[in-house]
Amino acid sequence: MPFVAANFNILRKKPFDFVPKNLGEHIKKKRLELGLTQKELGEMLGATLFTVLNWEKGKTEPHPQFISGINLFLGAPNIKYNHHD
């Protein structure tokens, strides 16, 4: 079957109007609004797809090395988060 180019961003033009309750949900909402995949966001931040997945599901918190990138992504450059090792 030949490859067919498609613009899947058209499918993502939905409002994501859920109210985030934690950092992971804020990351997910912003990612969906921008039409990014978890893999694409991970590549932008230097994290893996599974790392982003775990943040969004609330299974793990971002390591301090990712905080400045996440702040820029969210448009909140000076927010500090608690990280539990």
PDB file of N, CA and C in Angstrom:
ATOM      1  N   MET A   1       0.852  -1.175   0.000  1.00  0.00           N
ATOM      2  CA  MET A   1       0.000   0.000   0.000  1.00  0.00           C
ATOM      3  C   MET A   1       0.894   1.233   0.000  1.00  0.00           C
ATOM      4  N   PRO A   2       0.670   2.179  -0.902  1.00  0.00           N
ATOM      5  CA  PRO A   2       1.508   3.378  -0.956  1.00  0.00           C
ATOM      6  C   PRO A   2       1.237   4.303   0.224  1.00  0.00           C
ATOM      7  N   PHE A   3       2.270   5.056   0.568  1.00  0.00           N
ATOM      8  CA  PHE A   3       2.148   6.040   1.640  1.00  0.00           C
ATOM      9  C   PHE A   3       1.268   7.190   1.170  1.00  0.00           C
ATOM     10  N   VAL A   4       0.355   7.603   1.994  1.00  0.00           N
ATOM     11  CA  VAL A   4      -0.524   8.730   1.682  1.00  0.00           C
ATOM     12  C   VAL A   4      -0.268   9.824   2.705  1.00  0.00           C
ATOM     13  N   ALA A   5       0.137  10.974   2.226  1.00  0.00           N
ATOM     14  CA  ALA A   5       0.372  12.103   3.127  1.00  0.00           C
ATOM     15  C   ALA A   5      -0.966  12.614   3.647  1.00  0.00           C
ATOM     16  N   ALA A   6      -1.015  12.874   4.928  1.00  0.00           N
ATOM     17  CA  ALA A   6      -2.248  13.376   5.531  1.00  0.00           C
ATOM     18  C   ALA A   6      -1.903  14.419   6.575  1.00  0.00           C
ATOM     19  N   ASN A   7      -2.786  15.355   6.752  1.00  0.00           N
ATOM     20  CA  ASN A   7      -2.608  16.380   7.768  1.00  0.00           C
ATOM     21  C   ASN A   7      -3.485  16.018   8.965  1.00  0.00           C
ATOM     22  N   PHE A   8      -2.886  15.335   9.927  1.00  0.00           N
ATOM     23  CA  PHE A   8      -3.644  14.897  11.091  1.00  0.00           C
ATOM     24  C   PHE A   8      -3.912  16.033  12.066  1.00  0.00           C
ATOM     25  N   ASN A   9      -3.214  17.160  11.905  1.00  0.00           N
ATOM     26  CA  ASN A   9      -3.462  18.299  12.792  1.00  0.00           C
ATOM     27  C   ASN A   9      -4.891  18.804  12.670  1.00  0.00           C
ATOM     28  N   ILE A  10      -5.504  18.610  11.516  1.00  0.00           N
ATOM     29  CA  ILE A  10      -6.896  19.024  11.335  1.00  0.00           C
ATOM     30  C   ILE A  10      -7.793  18.304  12.336  1.00  0.00           C
ATOM     31  N   LEU A  11      -7.469  17.055  12.619  1.00  0.00           N
ATOM     32  CA  LEU A  11      -8.265  16.274  13.551  1.00  0.00           C
ATOM     33  C   LEU A  11      -8.104  16.747  14.989  1.00  0.00           C
ATOM     34  N   ARG A  12      -7.062  17.504  15.255  1.00  0.00           N
ATOM     35  CA  ARG A  12      -6.763  17.919  16.624  1.00  0.00           C
ATOM     36  C   ARG A  12      -7.260  19.324  16.933  1.00  0.00           C
ATOM     37  N   LYS A  13      -8.033  19.912  16.082  1.00  0.00           N
ATOM     38  CA  LYS A  13      -8.489  21.278  16.299  1.00  0.00           C
ATOM     39  C   LYS A  13      -9.700  21.328  17.217  1.00  0.00           C
ATOM     40  N   LYS A  14      -9.678  20.541  18.265  1.00  0.00           N
ATOM     41  CA  LYS A  14     -10.771  20.522  19.232  1.00  0.00           C
ATOM     42  C   LYS A  14     -10.351  21.311  20.465  1.00  0.00           C
ATOM     43  N   PRO A  15     -11.280  21.963  21.111  1.00  0.00           N
ATOM     44  CA  PRO A  15     -10.916  22.614  22.367  1.00  0.00           C
ATOM     45  C   PRO A  15     -10.717  21.561  23.455  1.00  0.00           C
ATOM     46  N   PHE A  16      -9.664  21.708  24.183  1.00  0.00           N
ATOM     47  CA  PHE A  16      -9.402  20.812  25.309  1.00  0.00           C
ATOM     48  C   PHE A  16      -9.692  21.622  26.561  1.00  0.00           C
ATOM     49  N   ASP A  17     -10.955  21.600  26.962  1.00  0.00           N
ATOM     50  CA  ASP A  17     -11.408  22.495  28.011  1.00  0.00           C
ATOM     51  C   ASP A  17     -11.474  21.853  29.388  1.00  0.00           C
ATOM     52  N   PHE A  18     -10.763  20.734  29.588  1.00  0.00           N
ATOM     53  CA  PHE A  18     -10.723  20.177  30.935  1.00  0.00           C
ATOM     54  C   PHE A  18      -9.838  21.059  31.803  1.00  0.00           C
ATOM     55  N   VAL A  19     -10.108  21.073  33.087  1.00  0.00           N
ATOM     56  CA  VAL A  19      -9.342  21.900  34.017  1.00  0.00           C
ATOM     57  C   VAL A  19      -8.232  21.044  34.618  1.00  0.00           C
ATOM     58  N   PRO A  20      -6.970  21.379  34.318  1.00  0.00           N
ATOM     59  CA  PRO A  20      -5.860  20.596  34.862  1.00  0.00           C
ATOM     60  C   PRO A  20      -5.814  20.688  36.381  1.00  0.00           C
ATOM     61  N   LYS A  21      -5.542  19.555  37.017  1.00  0.00           N
ATOM     62  CA  LYS A  21      -5.483  19.503  38.483  1.00  0.00           C
ATOM     63  C   LYS A  21      -4.062  19.370  39.009  1.00  0.00           C
ATOM     64  N   ASN A  22      -3.126  19.050  38.119  1.00  0.00           N
ATOM     65  CA  ASN A  22      -1.738  18.876  38.547  1.00  0.00           C
ATOM     66  C   ASN A  22      -0.819  19.205  37.370  1.00  0.00           C
ATOM     67  N   LEU A  23       0.476  19.166  37.619  1.00  0.00           N
ATOM     68  CA  LEU A  23       1.448  19.528  36.589  1.00  0.00           C
ATOM     69  C   LEU A  23       1.311  18.642  35.361  1.00  0.00           C
ATOM     70  N   GLY A  24       1.153  17.344  35.557  1.00  0.00           N
ATOM     71  CA  GLY A  24       1.028  16.432  34.429  1.00  0.00           C
ATOM     72  C   GLY A  24      -0.153  16.766  33.535  1.00  0.00           C
ATOM     73  N   GLU A  25      -1.262  17.139  34.141  1.00  0.00           N
ATOM     74  CA  GLU A  25      -2.441  17.501  33.353  1.00  0.00           C
ATOM     75  C   GLU A  25      -2.245  18.831  32.628  1.00  0.00           C
ATOM     76  N   HIS A  26      -1.485  19.751  33.237  1.00  0.00           N
ATOM     77  CA  HIS A  26      -1.155  21.004  32.546  1.00  0.00           C
ATOM     78  C   HIS A  26      -0.310  20.707  31.310  1.00  0.00           C
ATOM     79  N   ILE A  27       0.662  19.814  31.466  1.00  0.00           N
ATOM     80  CA  ILE A  27       1.518  19.434  30.343  1.00  0.00           C
ATOM     81  C   ILE A  27       0.670  18.808  29.237  1.00  0.00           C
ATOM     82  N   LYS A  28      -0.205  17.890  29.615  1.00  0.00           N
ATOM     83  CA  LYS A  28      -1.046  17.204  28.632  1.00  0.00           C
ATOM     84  C   LYS A  28      -1.952  18.190  27.896  1.00  0.00           C
ATOM     85  N   LYS A  29      -2.593  19.088  28.633  1.00  0.00           N
ATOM     86  CA  LYS A  29      -3.510  20.040  28.008  1.00  0.00           C
ATOM     87  C   LYS A  29      -2.773  20.912  26.998  1.00  0.00           C
ATOM     88  N   LYS A  30      -1.629  21.444  27.391  1.00  0.00           N
ATOM     89  CA  LYS A  30      -0.862  22.309  26.487  1.00  0.00           C
ATOM     90  C   LYS A  30      -0.395  21.524  25.266  1.00  0.00           C
ATOM     91  N   ARG A  31       0.061  20.299  25.477  1.00  0.00           N
ATOM     92  CA  ARG A  31       0.526  19.456  24.372  1.00  0.00           C
ATOM     93  C   ARG A  31      -0.600  19.213  23.373  1.00  0.00           C
ATOM     94  N   LEU A  32      -1.787  18.882  23.876  1.00  0.00           N
ATOM     95  CA  LEU A  32      -2.929  18.634  23.000  1.00  0.00           C
ATOM     96  C   LEU A  32      -3.364  19.897  22.264  1.00  0.00           C
ATOM     97  N   GLU A  33      -3.340  21.030  22.959  1.00  0.00           N
ATOM     98  CA  GLU A  33      -3.705  22.296  22.321  1.00  0.00           C
ATOM     99  C   GLU A  33      -2.772  22.623  21.163  1.00  0.00           C
ATOM    100  N   LEU A  34      -1.497  22.254  21.310  1.00  0.00           N
ATOM    101  CA  LEU A  34      -0.511  22.527  20.267  1.00  0.00           C
ATOM    102  C   LEU A  34      -0.461  21.434  19.206  1.00  0.00           C
ATOM    103  N   GLY A  35      -1.209  20.361  19.424  1.00  0.00           N
ATOM    104  CA  GLY A  35      -1.232  19.271  18.453  1.00  0.00           C
ATOM    105  C   GLY A  35       0.041  18.456  18.419  1.00  0.00           C
ATOM    106  N   LEU A  36       0.736  18.379  19.551  1.00  0.00           N
ATOM    107  CA  LEU A  36       1.972  17.602  19.636  1.00  0.00           C
ATOM    108  C   LEU A  36       1.696  16.206  20.166  1.00  0.00           C
ATOM    109  N   THR A  37       2.496  15.254  19.730  1.00  0.00           N
ATOM    110  CA  THR A  37       2.440  13.922  20.321  1.00  0.00           C
ATOM    111  C   THR A  37       3.328  13.910  21.555  1.00  0.00           C
ATOM    112  N   GLN A  38       3.173  12.883  22.368  1.00  0.00           N
ATOM    113  CA  GLN A  38       4.044  12.745  23.534  1.00  0.00           C
ATOM    114  C   GLN A  38       5.490  12.580  23.089  1.00  0.00           C
ATOM    115  N   LYS A  39       5.705  11.870  22.003  1.00  0.00           N
ATOM    116  CA  LYS A  39       7.061  11.682  21.481  1.00  0.00           C
ATOM    117  C   LYS A  39       7.660  13.015  21.041  1.00  0.00           C
ATOM    118  N   GLU A  40       6.878  13.829  20.325  1.00  0.00           N
ATOM    119  CA  GLU A  40       7.371  15.131  19.870  1.00  0.00           C
ATOM    120  C   GLU A  40       7.722  16.033  21.047  1.00  0.00           C
ATOM    121  N   LEU A  41       6.869  16.067  22.060  1.00  0.00           N
ATOM    122  CA  LEU A  41       7.163  16.887  23.233  1.00  0.00           C
ATOM    123  C   LEU A  41       8.405  16.369  23.938  1.00  0.00           C
ATOM    124  N   GLY A  42       8.503  15.058  24.078  1.00  0.00           N
ATOM    125  CA  GLY A  42       9.687  14.478  24.697  1.00  0.00           C
ATOM    126  C   GLY A  42      10.959  14.876  23.974  1.00  0.00           C
ATOM    127  N   GLU A  43      10.931  14.835  22.652  1.00  0.00           N
ATOM    128  CA  GLU A  43      12.107  15.228  21.871  1.00  0.00           C
ATOM    129  C   GLU A  43      12.444  16.695  22.090  1.00  0.00           C
ATOM    130  N   MET A  44      11.431  17.538  22.201  1.00  0.00           N
ATOM    131  CA  MET A  44      11.658  18.963  22.447  1.00  0.00           C
ATOM    132  C   MET A  44      12.311  19.196  23.804  1.00  0.00           C
ATOM    133  N   LEU A  45      11.919  18.382  24.796  1.00  0.00           N
ATOM    134  CA  LEU A  45      12.412  18.569  26.163  1.00  0.00           C
ATOM    135  C   LEU A  45      13.622  17.706  26.495  1.00  0.00           C
ATOM    136  N   GLY A  46      13.989  16.791  25.600  1.00  0.00           N
ATOM    137  CA  GLY A  46      15.094  15.877  25.880  1.00  0.00           C
ATOM    138  C   GLY A  46      14.680  14.715  26.762  1.00  0.00           C
ATOM    139  N   ALA A  47      13.409  14.353  26.700  1.00  0.00           N
ATOM    140  CA  ALA A  47      12.869  13.244  27.494  1.00  0.00           C
ATOM    141  C   ALA A  47      12.326  12.181  26.541  1.00  0.00           C
ATOM    142  N   THR A  48      12.024  11.016  27.079  1.00  0.00           N
ATOM    143  CA  THR A  48      11.457   9.959  26.249  1.00  0.00           C
ATOM    144  C   THR A  48       9.940  10.069  26.206  1.00  0.00           C
ATOM    145  N   LEU A  49       9.368   9.390  25.265  1.00  0.00           N
ATOM    146  CA  LEU A  49       7.910   9.288  25.157  1.00  0.00           C
ATOM    147  C   LEU A  49       7.319   8.770  26.458  1.00  0.00           C
ATOM    148  N   PHE A  50       7.955   7.758  27.041  1.00  0.00           N
ATOM    149  CA  PHE A  50       7.427   7.146  28.259  1.00  0.00           C
ATOM    150  C   PHE A  50       7.554   8.070  29.467  1.00  0.00           C
ATOM    151  N   THR A  51       8.576   8.914  29.464  1.00  0.00           N
ATOM    152  CA  THR A  51       8.714   9.903  30.535  1.00  0.00           C
ATOM    153  C   THR A  51       7.549  10.888  30.488  1.00  0.00           C
ATOM    154  N   VAL A  52       7.250  11.401  29.308  1.00  0.00           N
ATOM    155  CA  VAL A  52       6.124  12.331  29.152  1.00  0.00           C
ATOM    156  C   VAL A  52       4.818  11.637  29.527  1.00  0.00           C
ATOM    157  N   LEU A  53       4.643  10.416  29.090  1.00  0.00           N
ATOM    158  CA  LEU A  53       3.445   9.634  29.424  1.00  0.00           C
ATOM    159  C   LEU A  53       3.276   9.522  30.935  1.00  0.00           C
ATOM    160  N   ASN A  54       4.357   9.212  31.640  1.00  0.00           N
ATOM    161  CA  ASN A  54       4.293   9.076  33.100  1.00  0.00           C
ATOM    162  C   ASN A  54       4.007  10.402  33.788  1.00  0.00           C
ATOM    163  N   TRP A  55       4.536  11.506  33.269  1.00  0.00           N
ATOM    164  CA  TRP A  55       4.207  12.819  33.833  1.00  0.00           C
ATOM    165  C   TRP A  55       2.723  13.085  33.692  1.00  0.00           C
ATOM    166  N   GLU A  56       2.212  12.868  32.477  1.00  0.00           N
ATOM    167  CA  GLU A  56       0.812  13.179  32.207  1.00  0.00           C
ATOM    168  C   GLU A  56      -0.140  12.309  33.015  1.00  0.00           C
ATOM    169  N   LYS A  57       0.234  11.084  33.281  1.00  0.00           N
ATOM    170  CA  LYS A  57      -0.621  10.183  34.062  1.00  0.00           C
ATOM    171  C   LYS A  57      -0.433  10.374  35.561  1.00  0.00           C
ATOM    172  N   GLY A  58       0.530  11.219  35.956  1.00  0.00           N
ATOM    173  CA  GLY A  58       0.779  11.459  37.367  1.00  0.00           C
ATOM    174  C   GLY A  58       1.548  10.346  38.052  1.00  0.00           C
ATOM    175  N   LYS A  59       2.167   9.469  37.267  1.00  0.00           N
ATOM    176  CA  LYS A  59       2.939   8.364  37.852  1.00  0.00           C
ATOM    177  C   LYS A  59       4.288   8.839  38.364  1.00  0.00           C
ATOM    178  N   THR A  60       4.866   9.828  37.690  1.00  0.00           N
ATOM    179  CA  THR A  60       6.134  10.402  38.125  1.00  0.00           C
ATOM    180  C   THR A  60       6.063  11.915  37.975  1.00  0.00           C
ATOM    181  N   GLU A  61       6.958  12.591  38.684  1.00  0.00           N
ATOM    182  CA  GLU A  61       7.093  14.037  38.558  1.00  0.00           C
ATOM    183  C   GLU A  61       8.341  14.324  37.741  1.00  0.00           C
ATOM    184  N   PRO A  62       8.354  15.427  37.019  1.00  0.00           N
ATOM    185  CA  PRO A  62       9.541  15.755  36.232  1.00  0.00           C
ATOM    186  C   PRO A  62      10.770  15.936  37.113  1.00  0.00           C
ATOM    187  N   HIS A  63      11.882  15.399  36.652  1.00  0.00           N
ATOM    188  CA  HIS A  63      13.165  15.590  37.317  1.00  0.00           C
ATOM    189  C   HIS A  63      13.551  17.065  37.161  1.00  0.00           C
ATOM    190  N   PRO A  64      14.277  17.630  38.127  1.00  0.00           N
ATOM    191  CA  PRO A  64      14.640  19.047  38.053  1.00  0.00           C
ATOM    192  C   PRO A  64      15.295  19.475  36.736  1.00  0.00           C
ATOM    193  N   GLN A  65      15.995  18.563  36.063  1.00  0.00           N
ATOM    194  CA  GLN A  65      16.650  18.944  34.803  1.00  0.00           C
ATOM    195  C   GLN A  65      15.653  19.337  33.710  1.00  0.00           C
ATOM    196  N   PHE A  66      14.391  18.926  33.848  1.00  0.00           N
ATOM    197  CA  PHE A  66      13.381  19.232  32.843  1.00  0.00           C
ATOM    198  C   PHE A  66      12.533  20.455  33.181  1.00  0.00           C
ATOM    199  N   ILE A  67      12.653  20.976  34.385  1.00  0.00           N
ATOM    200  CA  ILE A  67      11.744  22.026  34.853  1.00  0.00           C
ATOM    201  C   ILE A  67      11.818  23.299  34.017  1.00  0.00           C
ATOM    202  N   SER A  68      13.008  23.768  33.676  1.00  0.00           N
ATOM    203  CA  SER A  68      13.071  25.015  32.903  1.00  0.00           C
ATOM    204  C   SER A  68      12.430  24.838  31.530  1.00  0.00           C
ATOM    205  N   GLY A  69      12.639  23.699  30.884  1.00  0.00           N
ATOM    206  CA  GLY A  69      12.008  23.437  29.591  1.00  0.00           C
ATOM    207  C   GLY A  69      10.500  23.339  29.703  1.00  0.00           C
ATOM    208  N   ILE A  70      10.021  22.687  30.761  1.00  0.00           N
ATOM    209  CA  ILE A  70       8.575  22.574  30.980  1.00  0.00           C
ATOM    210  C   ILE A  70       7.974  23.951  31.241  1.00  0.00           C
ATOM    211  N   ASN A  71       8.661  24.759  32.037  1.00  0.00           N
ATOM    212  CA  ASN A  71       8.171  26.116  32.303  1.00  0.00           C
ATOM    213  C   ASN A  71       8.038  26.919  31.016  1.00  0.00           C
ATOM    214  N   LEU A  72       9.045  26.833  30.152  1.00  0.00           N
ATOM    215  CA  LEU A  72       8.973  27.551  28.880  1.00  0.00           C
ATOM    216  C   LEU A  72       7.842  27.010  28.019  1.00  0.00           C
ATOM    217  N   PHE A  73       7.689  25.698  27.993  1.00  0.00           N
ATOM    218  CA  PHE A  73       6.621  25.062  27.222  1.00  0.00           C
ATOM    219  C   PHE A  73       5.253  25.535  27.705  1.00  0.00           C
ATOM    220  N   LEU A  74       5.083  25.628  29.022  1.00  0.00           N
ATOM    221  CA  LEU A  74       3.802  26.044  29.599  1.00  0.00           C
ATOM    222  C   LEU A  74       3.613  27.559  29.591  1.00  0.00           C
ATOM    223  N   GLY A  75       4.683  28.299  29.290  1.00  0.00           N
ATOM    224  CA  GLY A  75       4.584  29.753  29.299  1.00  0.00           C
ATOM    225  C   GLY A  75       4.651  30.337  30.689  1.00  0.00           C
ATOM    226  N   ALA A  76       5.287  29.623  31.604  1.00  0.00           N
ATOM    227  CA  ALA A  76       5.413  30.058  32.999  1.00  0.00           C
ATOM    228  C   ALA A  76       6.871  29.901  33.417  1.00  0.00           C
ATOM    229  N   PRO A  77       7.762  30.801  32.966  1.00  0.00           N
ATOM    230  CA  PRO A  77       9.201  30.582  33.122  1.00  0.00           C
ATOM    231  C   PRO A  77       9.775  30.572  34.531  1.00  0.00           C
ATOM    232  N   ASN A  78       9.058  31.020  35.537  1.00  0.00           N
ATOM    233  CA  ASN A  78       9.659  31.090  36.873  1.00  0.00           C
ATOM    234  C   ASN A  78       8.999  30.204  37.913  1.00  0.00           C
ATOM    235  N   ILE A  79       8.166  29.274  37.509  1.00  0.00           N
ATOM    236  CA  ILE A  79       7.504  28.395  38.472  1.00  0.00           C
ATOM    237  C   ILE A  79       8.471  27.314  38.931  1.00  0.00           C
ATOM    238  N   LYS A  80       8.469  27.043  40.229  1.00  0.00           N
ATOM    239  CA  LYS A  80       9.289  25.961  40.785  1.00  0.00           C
ATOM    240  C   LYS A  80       8.361  24.863  41.266  1.00  0.00           C
ATOM    241  N   TYR A  81       8.806  23.628  41.118  1.00  0.00           N
ATOM    242  CA  TYR A  81       8.003  22.480  41.511  1.00  0.00           C
ATOM    243  C   TYR A  81       8.769  21.662  42.528  1.00  0.00           C
ATOM    244  N   ASN A  82       8.031  20.992  43.380  1.00  0.00           N
ATOM    245  CA  ASN A  82       8.656  20.072  44.331  1.00  0.00           C
ATOM    246  C   ASN A  82       8.949  18.771  43.620  1.00  0.00           C
ATOM    247  N   HIS A  83      10.151  18.268  43.806  1.00  0.00           N
ATOM    248  CA  HIS A  83      10.517  16.977  43.219  1.00  0.00           C
ATOM    249  C   HIS A  83      10.873  16.047  44.356  1.00  0.00           C
ATOM    250  N   HIS A  84      10.279  14.878  44.343  1.00  0.00           N
ATOM    251  CA  HIS A  84      10.554  13.879  45.371  1.00  0.00           C
ATOM    252  C   HIS A  84      11.348  12.755  44.748  1.00  0.00           C
ATOM    253  N   ASP A  85      12.544  12.500  45.272  1.00  0.00           N
ATOM    254  CA  ASP A  85      13.364  11.396  44.744  1.00  0.00           C
ATOM    255  C   ASP A  85      12.925  10.083  45.316  1.00  0.00           C
TER     256      ASP A  85
END
